[in-house]
Amino acid sequence: MSVKSCLPRLLASKALLTFCLLGLMPSSPVQAEFNLPSLGDTSAGIMSREQEYQLGRAWLGMLRGAVATKDDPLLKDYVERHVYQLAETSQLVDRRLAFVVVDSPQLNAFAAPGGIVGINGGLFLHAHTEGEFASVMAHELAHLSQRHFSRNLEQQQRMRVPLMTAMLASIVIAAAGGGDAGFAALASTQAAAIQEQRRFSRQNEQEADRIGIQNLYQAGYDPRAMPDMFERLARNSRFDRTPPEFLLTHPVTQSRISDSRNRAEQLARNNGRRDSQEYQMLRARVQLRYETNPGVAIRRFQAQLDEHEGEHAPARYGLTLAKMRASQFDEAEQALQPLLAQHGDVLIVRLAEVELLRLQGRSSAALAIVDQLLENRPDNYPLMQSKIDLLLHEQRYAEAERLSDRLASQRSDDPDFWYMAAEIRGLAENITGLHMARAEYFMLAGDLDQADEQLKLAHRRVSDNFVMRSRVEARQEHLARLREVLKSF
């Protein structure tokens, strides 16, 4: 049985029951957001920041186990870097952030207690500029900085008993194998609570807009990106019978647009950043991911390139990737060469070159480029991941393991990393390391029973090795503390 095939067991876990009783499970396994009323600054008395942190990390584990997430290093690195930059100028006190990028083309973004920031891949499709992307992220950071989740708990207290009863039935459906039916039932049980909260959530949205716009300005972006995003979303969804989840949880009203526009105009300055070439290249990358046919993507990117007389780097980048996906490697090389000539110092472009060389069977040349790039950026996550992939392609498993051990220090909270590390250690015949990596993966994915089993298997193999036994036992103690955290809620 593969590691990831065990994840459906999450639905029957005690952790899921705990969180559903708290009303924390999203209304859909792919899309999550909290409608959170403003009740004044009483949050500290309801839930401490540390409780929020522990609660959020446990919730994140369950979410990761229930949805498909993107494991693209370039995309993840971009999201993390830019949200941390926004956090530096935000009102967020506790900046221990964790991220999840849901593999869905639908528009959505959400914040959960304890510094959890999540987006759907579809946010890149709907946010046409980096400023618009940053405006959504600044809004979600404002939800976190104002602790809207904790301030919501007081309002939920009087609805807790009837809500819990209905949720229990939903858990039974999910645990019995109902899957999506269980989540659908769960969504229906929250309808009354959501309706009760709606008038309070408007206050939260206004507060998050106001603070988010200020954050945008302080971070160097043009604050008008937020009302620009709102206006286009309102236009595009005017005749939609089923608007995206983001607009259901963040309703874009005319008064909200006007208010954000007025605030942004007061702060606007001519030199505020609105977009970047890196963002547009990542948009092209995401567009290709959700294109059903690479031929369609090739025609679209070629049309954009023709419209700009061949001088449109994001379209050329997208065209290169689309031709690679269609196995048109010679044509991809022709498309890539002008990009390398003009933007050879851009990492995302050089990694496209590396990927093309690998697909052409020229792994040695690809490794030489990555090693050269690593000389100036020795700890760069996408570069290190690229080298690991190339080493695995060449079956140099011991070297891949050593490099992944280096990467572990900066990706210790990333389940995608530990899933890869387990595979590498298995190929390198490091069976103890395989069990340890799987344990880390399962802990981050919320399946504590599977994590416990993997640690027991590791412990049996190192019983006569004091150093390794101590490491395993330390992780077993950590796992026990995680269980206690869940019990405390």
Protein backbone atom coordinates (compact mmCIF):
# COMPACT_ATOMS: atom_id res chain seq x y z
CA MET A 1 0.00 0.00 0.00
CA SER A 2 1.43 3.41 -0.97
CA VAL A 3 1.83 6.19 1.56
CA LYS A 4 -0.79 8.47 0.02
CA SER A 5 -3.35 5.69 -0.39
CA CYS A 6 -3.73 5.57 3.38
CA LEU A 7 -5.03 9.12 3.62
CA PRO A 8 -8.79 8.39 3.30
CA ARG A 9 -8.55 6.89 6.79
CA LEU A 10 -8.45 10.49 7.99
CA LEU A 11 -12.18 10.78 7.53
CA ALA A 12 -12.81 8.35 10.36
CA SER A 13 -10.19 9.76 12.72
CA LYS A 14 -10.82 11.30 16.10
CA ALA A 15 -9.08 14.45 14.86
CA LEU A 16 -11.73 14.98 12.21
CA LEU A 17 -14.49 14.57 14.78
CA THR A 18 -12.83 17.09 17.05
CA PHE A 19 -12.54 19.73 14.37
CA CYS A 20 -16.01 19.23 12.97
CA LEU A 21 -17.47 19.72 16.43
CA LEU A 22 -15.65 23.03 16.51
CA GLY A 23 -17.20 23.95 13.17
CA LEU A 24 -13.83 24.13 11.44
CA MET A 25 -14.26 21.78 8.50
CA PRO A 26 -14.66 23.65 5.22
CA SER A 27 -17.94 23.40 3.38
CA SER A 28 -16.09 21.59 0.58
CA PRO A 29 -12.97 19.42 0.75
CA VAL A 30 -11.36 21.68 -1.85
CA GLN A 31 -12.53 25.12 -0.81
CA ALA A 32 -12.29 26.51 2.70
CA GLU A 33 -12.96 29.84 4.34
CA PHE A 34 -14.40 31.15 7.58
CA ASN A 35 -17.23 33.69 7.78
CA LEU A 36 -16.12 35.44 10.91
CA PRO A 37 -18.02 38.09 12.87
CA SER A 38 -16.34 40.94 14.68
CA LEU A 39 -17.15 40.89 18.38
CA GLY A 40 -14.59 43.30 19.71
CA ASP A 41 -11.20 42.39 21.15
CA THR A 42 -12.34 39.47 23.30
CA SER A 43 -10.36 36.86 21.40
CA ALA A 44 -7.58 36.50 23.96
CA GLY A 45 -10.05 35.39 26.60
CA ILE A 46 -11.61 32.79 24.32
CA MET A 47 -8.50 31.22 22.78
CA SER A 48 -4.82 32.04 23.27
CA ARG A 49 -2.47 32.58 20.35
CA GLU A 50 -0.71 29.32 21.16
CA GLN A 51 -4.01 27.44 21.15
CA GLU A 52 -4.79 29.01 17.78
CA TYR A 53 -1.39 27.87 16.50
CA GLN A 54 -1.83 24.28 17.64
CA LEU A 55 -5.41 24.16 16.41
CA GLY A 56 -4.47 25.55 13.01
CA ARG A 57 -1.59 23.10 12.50
CA ALA A 58 -3.80 20.14 13.32
CA TRP A 59 -6.53 21.46 11.01
CA LEU A 60 -3.96 21.94 8.25
CA GLY A 61 -2.90 18.30 8.57
CA MET A 62 -6.47 17.18 8.03
CA LEU A 63 -6.94 19.51 5.08
CA ARG A 64 -3.78 18.21 3.42
CA GLY A 65 -5.05 14.68 3.87
CA ALA A 66 -8.41 15.47 2.30
CA VAL A 67 -7.51 17.55 -0.78
CA ALA A 68 -5.09 17.43 -3.67
CA THR A 69 -2.33 20.01 -3.28
CA LYS A 70 0.22 21.37 -5.75
CA ASP A 71 3.81 20.23 -5.32
CA ASP A 72 5.35 22.66 -7.83
CA PRO A 73 8.48 24.11 -6.10
CA LEU A 74 8.45 27.29 -8.20
CA LEU A 75 4.83 28.02 -7.34
CA LYS A 76 5.19 27.19 -3.66
CA ASP A 77 8.39 29.22 -3.35
CA TYR A 78 6.73 32.24 -4.97
CA VAL A 79 3.68 32.11 -2.68
CA GLU A 80 5.79 31.71 0.45
CA ARG A 81 8.25 34.48 -0.42
CA HIS A 82 5.60 37.03 -1.32
CA VAL A 83 3.30 36.32 1.62
CA TYR A 84 6.24 36.59 4.03
CA GLN A 85 7.14 39.93 2.44
CA LEU A 86 3.59 41.14 2.99
CA ALA A 87 3.65 39.83 6.55
CA GLU A 88 6.63 42.07 7.33
CA THR A 89 4.50 45.20 6.82
CA SER A 90 1.27 43.71 8.19
CA GLN A 91 -0.25 43.93 11.68
CA LEU A 92 0.40 40.20 12.18
CA VAL A 93 2.13 39.57 15.50
CA ASP A 94 2.70 35.81 15.28
CA ARG A 95 4.38 35.26 11.91
CA ARG A 96 4.76 31.49 12.14
CA LEU A 97 2.99 30.94 8.84
CA ALA A 98 2.16 27.73 7.01
CA PHE A 99 0.96 27.45 3.44
CA VAL A 100 -1.15 25.18 1.31
CA VAL A 101 -1.77 25.50 -2.44
CA VAL A 102 -4.84 23.49 -3.39
CA ASP A 103 -4.72 21.95 -6.85
CA SER A 104 -7.94 23.44 -8.18
CA PRO A 105 -8.62 25.93 -10.99
CA GLN A 106 -11.45 27.49 -8.98
CA LEU A 107 -10.95 30.91 -7.42
CA ASN A 108 -10.40 30.71 -3.68
CA ALA A 109 -8.15 31.89 -0.87
CA PHE A 110 -8.53 31.38 2.86
CA ALA A 111 -6.95 31.97 6.24
CA ALA A 112 -7.25 29.66 9.22
CA PRO A 113 -6.21 30.15 12.85
CA GLY A 114 -2.57 29.78 13.73
CA GLY A 115 -1.14 31.40 10.61
CA ILE A 116 -2.54 29.08 7.94
CA VAL A 117 -2.68 30.73 4.52
CA GLY A 118 -4.21 28.80 1.66
CA ILE A 119 -4.99 29.46 -1.97
CA ASN A 120 -6.32 27.53 -4.91
CA GLY A 121 -4.17 27.39 -8.03
CA GLY A 122 -7.06 29.20 -9.66
CA LEU A 123 -6.15 32.41 -7.84
CA PHE A 124 -3.34 32.86 -10.39
CA LEU A 125 -5.89 32.55 -13.18
CA HIS A 126 -8.23 35.20 -11.74
CA ALA A 127 -5.68 37.67 -10.32
CA HIS A 128 -4.38 39.28 -13.52
CA THR A 129 -1.44 41.09 -11.91
CA GLU A 130 0.91 40.55 -9.01
CA GLY A 131 -0.71 43.52 -7.26
CA GLU A 132 -4.11 41.82 -7.44
CA PHE A 133 -2.62 38.57 -6.11
CA ALA A 134 -0.97 40.53 -3.29
CA SER A 135 -4.27 42.28 -2.49
CA VAL A 136 -5.96 38.93 -1.84
CA MET A 137 -3.05 37.77 0.31
CA ALA A 138 -3.04 41.04 2.27
CA HIS A 139 -6.76 40.63 2.90
CA GLU A 140 -6.23 37.09 4.26
CA LEU A 141 -3.32 38.23 6.44
CA ALA A 142 -5.66 40.85 7.89
CA HIS A 143 -8.10 38.11 8.89
CA LEU A 144 -5.21 36.49 10.77
CA SER A 145 -3.86 39.68 12.36
CA GLN A 146 -7.32 40.64 13.64
CA ARG A 147 -7.90 37.09 14.96
CA HIS A 148 -11.33 36.86 13.40
CA PHE A 149 -11.56 33.14 14.12
CA SER A 150 -11.24 33.53 17.89
CA ARG A 151 -13.60 36.48 17.88
CA ASN A 152 -16.15 34.26 16.16
CA LEU A 153 -16.23 31.60 18.85
CA GLU A 154 -18.36 33.60 21.26
CA GLN A 155 -21.12 33.96 18.68
CA GLN A 156 -21.04 30.23 17.98
CA GLN A 157 -21.45 29.19 21.60
CA ARG A 158 -25.23 29.43 21.64
CA MET A 159 -25.47 27.39 18.43
CA ARG A 160 -22.99 24.72 19.49
CA VAL A 161 -25.37 21.94 20.65
CA PRO A 162 -27.70 21.71 17.61
CA LEU A 163 -24.75 22.18 15.29
CA MET A 164 -22.78 19.39 16.96
CA THR A 165 -25.69 16.96 16.72
CA ALA A 166 -26.08 17.46 13.00
CA MET A 167 -22.32 17.34 12.41
CA LEU A 168 -22.02 14.00 14.17
CA ALA A 169 -24.36 12.51 11.58
CA SER A 170 -22.20 13.94 8.82
CA ILE A 171 -19.09 12.34 10.33
CA VAL A 172 -20.79 8.96 10.38
CA ILE A 173 -21.57 9.28 6.66
CA ALA A 174 -17.98 10.20 5.84
CA ALA A 175 -16.45 7.52 8.07
CA ALA A 176 -18.71 4.85 6.54
CA GLY A 177 -17.30 5.56 3.11
CA GLY A 178 -19.70 8.24 1.96
CA GLY A 179 -16.76 10.49 1.04
CA ASP A 180 -18.06 13.61 -0.65
CA ALA A 181 -21.57 12.85 0.61
CA GLY A 182 -20.31 13.33 4.14
CA PHE A 183 -18.87 16.72 3.30
CA ALA A 184 -22.07 17.68 1.46
CA ALA A 185 -24.12 16.78 4.53
CA LEU A 186 -21.69 18.73 6.66
CA ALA A 187 -22.17 21.77 4.45
CA SER A 188 -25.93 21.62 4.87
CA THR A 189 -25.67 21.42 8.65
CA GLN A 190 -23.69 24.67 8.71
CA ALA A 191 -26.25 26.63 6.68
CA ALA A 192 -28.09 27.99 9.70
CA ALA A 193 -24.86 28.97 11.42
CA ILE A 194 -23.58 30.72 8.31
CA GLN A 195 -26.81 32.68 7.94
CA GLU A 196 -26.60 33.79 11.57
CA GLN A 197 -22.99 34.89 11.09
CA ARG A 198 -23.48 36.75 7.81
CA ARG A 199 -24.20 40.17 9.27
CA PHE A 200 -21.07 39.90 11.43
CA SER A 201 -18.90 38.64 8.57
CA ARG A 202 -19.56 41.82 6.58
CA GLN A 203 -17.85 43.75 9.35
CA ASN A 204 -14.88 41.35 9.17
CA GLU A 205 -14.60 41.72 5.41
CA GLN A 206 -14.61 45.52 5.66
CA GLU A 207 -11.98 45.40 8.38
CA ALA A 208 -9.80 43.00 6.36
CA ASP A 209 -10.15 45.23 3.28
CA ARG A 210 -9.15 48.36 5.20
CA ILE A 211 -6.13 46.75 6.87
CA GLY A 212 -5.16 44.88 3.70
CA ILE A 213 -5.11 48.06 1.61
CA GLN A 214 -2.86 49.73 4.16
CA ASN A 215 -0.58 46.69 4.08
CA LEU A 216 -0.42 46.79 0.28
CA TYR A 217 0.66 50.42 0.40
CA GLN A 218 3.31 49.81 3.05
CA ALA A 219 4.67 46.82 1.12
CA GLY A 220 5.21 49.02 -1.94
CA TYR A 221 2.25 47.90 -4.05
CA ASP A 222 -0.30 50.18 -5.67
CA PRO A 223 -3.28 49.86 -3.28
CA ARG A 224 -5.67 50.37 -6.19
CA ALA A 225 -4.99 46.73 -7.12
CA MET A 226 -7.57 45.65 -4.52
CA PRO A 227 -10.59 47.57 -5.89
CA ASP A 228 -9.44 46.68 -9.42
CA MET A 229 -9.66 43.00 -8.48
CA PHE A 230 -13.07 43.48 -6.85
CA GLU A 231 -14.49 45.31 -9.86
CA ARG A 232 -13.44 42.67 -12.36
CA LEU A 233 -14.70 39.82 -10.18
CA ALA A 234 -18.03 41.59 -9.84
CA ARG A 235 -18.28 42.06 -13.61
CA ASN A 236 -17.29 38.49 -14.41
CA SER A 237 -19.71 36.94 -11.90
CA ARG A 238 -22.69 39.21 -12.55
CA PHE A 239 -24.55 36.57 -14.53
CA ASP A 240 -23.09 33.45 -12.91
CA ARG A 241 -25.69 31.21 -11.34
CA THR A 242 -22.97 29.46 -9.30
CA PRO A 243 -20.27 31.99 -8.38
CA PRO A 244 -16.91 30.70 -7.10
CA GLU A 245 -16.53 29.88 -3.43
CA PHE A 246 -14.36 32.95 -2.89
CA LEU A 247 -17.24 35.24 -3.84
CA LEU A 248 -19.65 33.35 -1.59
CA THR A 249 -17.37 33.86 1.41
CA HIS A 250 -16.13 37.28 0.27
CA PRO A 251 -19.22 38.87 -1.33
CA VAL A 252 -18.22 41.79 -3.57
CA THR A 253 -20.91 44.42 -3.12
CA GLN A 254 -20.98 47.86 -4.72
CA SER A 255 -20.50 49.51 -1.33
CA ARG A 256 -17.45 47.33 -0.67
CA ILE A 257 -15.96 48.23 -4.04
CA SER A 258 -16.60 51.95 -3.47
CA ASP A 259 -15.17 51.87 0.03
CA SER A 260 -11.99 50.08 -1.07
CA ARG A 261 -11.63 52.43 -4.06
CA ASN A 262 -11.91 55.53 -1.85
CA ARG A 263 -9.36 54.20 0.63
CA ALA A 264 -6.96 53.14 -2.13
CA GLU A 265 -7.13 56.51 -3.91
CA GLN A 266 -6.21 58.28 -0.67
CA LEU A 267 -3.03 56.18 -0.43
CA ALA A 268 -2.22 55.72 -4.13
CA ARG A 269 1.15 56.82 -5.41
CA ASN A 270 2.53 56.74 -8.92
CA ASN A 271 5.45 54.42 -8.15
CA GLY A 272 3.46 51.68 -6.44
CA ARG A 273 4.27 48.23 -7.82
CA ARG A 274 1.49 46.64 -9.87
CA ASP A 275 2.98 43.64 -11.65
CA SER A 276 6.10 41.58 -12.33
CA GLN A 277 7.35 39.38 -15.14
CA GLU A 278 7.88 36.51 -12.69
CA TYR A 279 4.21 36.59 -11.72
CA GLN A 280 3.08 36.57 -15.34
CA MET A 281 5.32 33.60 -16.10
CA LEU A 282 3.86 31.72 -13.17
CA ARG A 283 0.36 32.58 -14.43
CA ALA A 284 1.31 31.02 -17.77
CA ARG A 285 2.59 27.96 -15.91
CA VAL A 286 -0.68 27.59 -14.01
CA GLN A 287 -2.76 28.19 -17.14
CA LEU A 288 -0.97 25.31 -18.82
CA ARG A 289 -1.57 23.09 -15.80
CA TYR A 290 -5.33 23.46 -16.15
CA GLU A 291 -5.42 23.30 -19.94
CA THR A 292 -6.93 20.01 -21.10
CA ASN A 293 -4.95 19.91 -24.34
CA PRO A 294 -1.40 21.26 -24.85
CA GLY A 295 -2.32 22.06 -28.46
CA VAL A 296 -4.89 24.58 -27.26
CA ALA A 297 -2.30 26.16 -24.98
CA ILE A 298 0.23 26.32 -27.82
CA ARG A 299 -2.23 28.21 -30.04
CA ARG A 300 -3.17 30.62 -27.24
CA PHE A 301 0.42 31.45 -26.26
CA GLN A 302 1.43 31.77 -29.91
CA ALA A 303 -1.43 34.20 -30.51
CA GLN A 304 -0.29 36.32 -27.55
CA LEU A 305 3.25 36.27 -28.86
CA ASP A 306 2.12 37.29 -32.36
CA GLU A 307 0.01 40.09 -30.91
CA HIS A 308 3.11 41.53 -29.23
CA GLU A 309 5.36 40.91 -32.25
CA GLY A 310 7.34 38.24 -30.45
CA GLU A 311 8.32 40.42 -27.49
CA HIS A 312 6.21 38.96 -24.72
CA ALA A 313 8.34 36.94 -22.31
CA PRO A 314 5.47 35.30 -20.33
CA ALA A 315 3.78 34.12 -23.55
CA ARG A 316 7.09 32.78 -24.86
CA TYR A 317 7.68 31.00 -21.56
CA GLY A 318 4.20 29.46 -21.68
CA LEU A 319 4.72 28.45 -25.32
CA THR A 320 7.99 26.73 -24.41
CA LEU A 321 6.36 24.75 -21.60
CA ALA A 322 3.37 23.82 -23.77
CA LYS A 323 5.62 22.47 -26.53
CA MET A 324 7.58 20.50 -23.94
CA ARG A 325 4.33 19.05 -22.64
CA ALA A 326 3.40 18.09 -26.23
CA SER A 327 6.84 16.40 -26.60
CA GLN A 328 7.79 18.88 -29.32
CA PHE A 329 11.29 19.29 -27.93
CA ASP A 330 12.98 20.83 -30.97
CA GLU A 331 10.21 23.42 -31.29
CA ALA A 332 10.42 24.08 -27.54
CA GLU A 333 14.13 24.77 -27.89
CA GLN A 334 13.47 27.22 -30.71
CA ALA A 335 10.88 29.03 -28.58
CA LEU A 336 13.20 29.11 -25.57
CA GLN A 337 16.33 30.52 -27.22
CA PRO A 338 15.12 34.17 -27.52
CA LEU A 339 13.96 33.98 -23.91
CA LEU A 340 17.40 32.81 -22.77
CA ALA A 341 19.04 35.56 -24.80
CA GLN A 342 16.96 38.30 -23.18
CA HIS A 343 16.29 36.87 -19.72
CA GLY A 344 19.11 34.43 -19.10
CA ASP A 345 19.53 35.69 -15.55
CA VAL A 346 15.93 34.84 -14.56
CA LEU A 347 15.73 31.64 -12.52
CA ILE A 348 12.35 30.49 -13.81
CA VAL A 349 13.68 30.73 -17.38
CA ARG A 350 16.87 28.81 -16.60
CA LEU A 351 14.87 26.05 -14.92
CA ALA A 352 12.78 25.73 -18.09
CA GLU A 353 16.08 25.18 -19.93
CA VAL A 354 17.08 22.55 -17.36
CA GLU A 355 13.78 20.71 -17.73
CA LEU A 356 14.04 20.73 -21.52
CA LEU A 357 17.57 19.30 -21.40
CA ARG A 358 16.36 16.52 -19.11
CA LEU A 359 13.51 15.67 -21.46
CA GLN A 360 15.99 15.60 -24.36
CA GLY A 361 18.08 13.05 -22.47
CA ARG A 362 20.86 15.51 -21.66
CA SER A 363 20.83 15.23 -17.88
CA SER A 364 24.57 15.89 -17.52
CA ALA A 365 24.23 19.26 -19.26
CA ALA A 366 21.19 20.06 -17.10
CA LEU A 367 23.12 19.21 -13.92
CA ALA A 368 25.99 21.45 -14.97
CA ILE A 369 23.61 24.41 -15.29
CA VAL A 370 21.97 23.70 -11.92
CA ASP A 371 25.35 23.40 -10.19
CA GLN A 372 26.43 26.71 -11.69
CA LEU A 373 23.23 28.40 -10.50
CA LEU A 374 23.59 26.88 -7.03
CA GLU A 375 26.99 28.54 -6.61
CA ASN A 376 25.21 31.90 -6.21
CA ARG A 377 22.04 30.53 -4.58
CA PRO A 378 23.15 27.53 -2.52
CA ASP A 379 19.94 27.26 -0.50
CA ASN A 380 17.41 28.00 -3.22
CA TYR A 381 14.52 25.55 -2.87
CA PRO A 382 13.51 25.18 -6.56
CA LEU A 383 17.16 24.77 -7.58
CA MET A 384 17.87 22.14 -4.93
CA GLN A 385 14.70 20.28 -5.88
CA SER A 386 15.69 20.41 -9.54
CA LYS A 387 19.08 18.89 -8.76
CA ILE A 388 17.49 16.15 -6.67
CA ASP A 389 15.15 15.29 -9.56
CA LEU A 390 18.10 15.10 -11.96
CA LEU A 391 20.11 12.91 -9.60
CA LEU A 392 17.15 10.56 -9.27
CA HIS A 393 16.80 10.49 -13.05
CA GLU A 394 20.41 9.35 -13.26
CA GLN A 395 19.86 6.84 -10.43
CA ARG A 396 22.43 8.54 -8.21
CA TYR A 397 20.40 7.80 -5.12
CA ALA A 398 23.07 8.33 -2.45
CA GLU A 399 23.81 11.84 -3.74
CA ALA A 400 20.10 12.61 -3.98
CA GLU A 401 19.68 11.50 -0.36
CA ARG A 402 22.50 13.73 0.87
CA LEU A 403 21.05 16.76 -0.89
CA SER A 404 17.54 16.01 0.37
CA ASP A 405 18.94 15.84 3.92
CA ARG A 406 20.23 19.39 3.40
CA LEU A 407 16.85 20.52 2.11
CA ALA A 408 15.12 19.01 5.16
CA SER A 409 16.22 21.89 7.37
CA GLN A 410 14.20 24.44 5.36
CA ARG A 411 11.25 22.22 4.32
CA SER A 412 10.64 20.37 7.58
CA ASP A 413 6.95 21.41 7.60
CA ASP A 414 6.34 20.45 3.97
CA PRO A 415 4.62 17.06 3.48
CA ASP A 416 5.60 17.04 -0.21
CA PHE A 417 9.25 17.10 0.84
CA TRP A 418 8.87 14.18 3.25
CA TYR A 419 6.95 12.14 0.68
CA MET A 420 9.88 12.63 -1.72
CA ALA A 421 12.45 11.96 1.02
CA ALA A 422 10.80 8.65 1.85
CA GLU A 423 11.03 7.57 -1.78
CA ILE A 424 14.69 8.63 -2.01
CA ARG A 425 15.67 6.85 1.19
CA GLY A 426 13.94 3.72 0.03
CA LEU A 427 15.85 3.80 -3.27
CA ALA A 428 19.07 4.43 -1.33
CA GLU A 429 18.24 1.37 0.84
CA ASN A 430 18.06 3.49 4.00
CA ILE A 431 15.07 1.67 5.47
CA THR A 432 15.21 3.35 8.87
CA GLY A 433 15.29 6.73 7.15
CA LEU A 434 12.38 5.62 4.97
CA HIS A 435 10.22 4.94 8.04
CA MET A 436 11.27 8.21 9.68
CA ALA A 437 10.39 10.23 6.57
CA ARG A 438 7.05 8.48 6.24
CA ALA A 439 6.32 9.27 9.89
CA GLU A 440 7.00 12.97 9.27
CA TYR A 441 4.77 12.88 6.21
CA PHE A 442 1.88 11.28 8.06
CA MET A 443 2.19 13.70 10.99
CA LEU A 444 1.93 16.65 8.60
CA ALA A 445 -0.94 14.98 6.74
CA GLY A 446 -2.89 14.48 9.98
CA ASP A 447 -2.78 10.67 10.13
CA LEU A 448 -1.21 10.16 13.55
CA ASP A 449 -1.94 6.43 13.67
CA GLN A 450 0.09 5.80 10.52
CA ALA A 451 2.86 8.07 11.86
CA ASP A 452 2.94 6.04 15.07
CA GLU A 453 3.23 2.79 13.11
CA GLN A 454 6.13 4.11 11.04
CA LEU A 455 8.01 5.26 14.15
CA LYS A 456 7.54 1.85 15.75
CA LEU A 457 9.01 0.19 12.65
CA ALA A 458 11.97 2.58 12.79
CA HIS A 459 12.47 1.93 16.51
CA ARG A 460 12.74 -1.82 15.97
CA ARG A 461 15.56 -1.31 13.48
CA VAL A 462 17.69 0.94 15.74
CA SER A 463 17.30 -0.76 19.10
CA ASP A 464 21.11 -1.26 19.36
CA ASN A 465 22.04 2.21 18.08
CA PHE A 466 21.80 4.74 20.92
CA VAL A 467 21.97 7.88 18.77
CA MET A 468 19.36 6.78 16.26
CA ARG A 469 17.15 5.30 18.97
CA SER A 470 17.18 8.64 20.78
CA ARG A 471 16.11 10.43 17.59
CA VAL A 472 13.24 8.04 17.02
CA GLU A 473 12.11 8.29 20.63
CA ALA A 474 12.20 12.09 20.42
CA ARG A 475 9.82 11.97 17.46
CA GLN A 476 7.59 9.51 19.34
CA GLU A 477 7.43 12.00 22.21
CA HIS A 478 6.56 14.75 19.74
CA LEU A 479 3.77 12.59 18.32
CA ALA A 480 2.43 11.97 21.82
CA ARG A 481 2.31 15.72 22.40
CA LEU A 482 0.36 16.16 19.17
CA ARG A 483 -2.21 13.67 20.41
CA GLU A 484 -2.50 15.57 23.68
CA VAL A 485 -3.08 18.81 21.81
CA LEU A 486 -6.01 17.24 19.98
CA LYS A 487 -7.43 15.89 23.22
CA SER A 488 -7.20 19.35 24.80
CA PHE A 489 -9.57 20.71 22.16
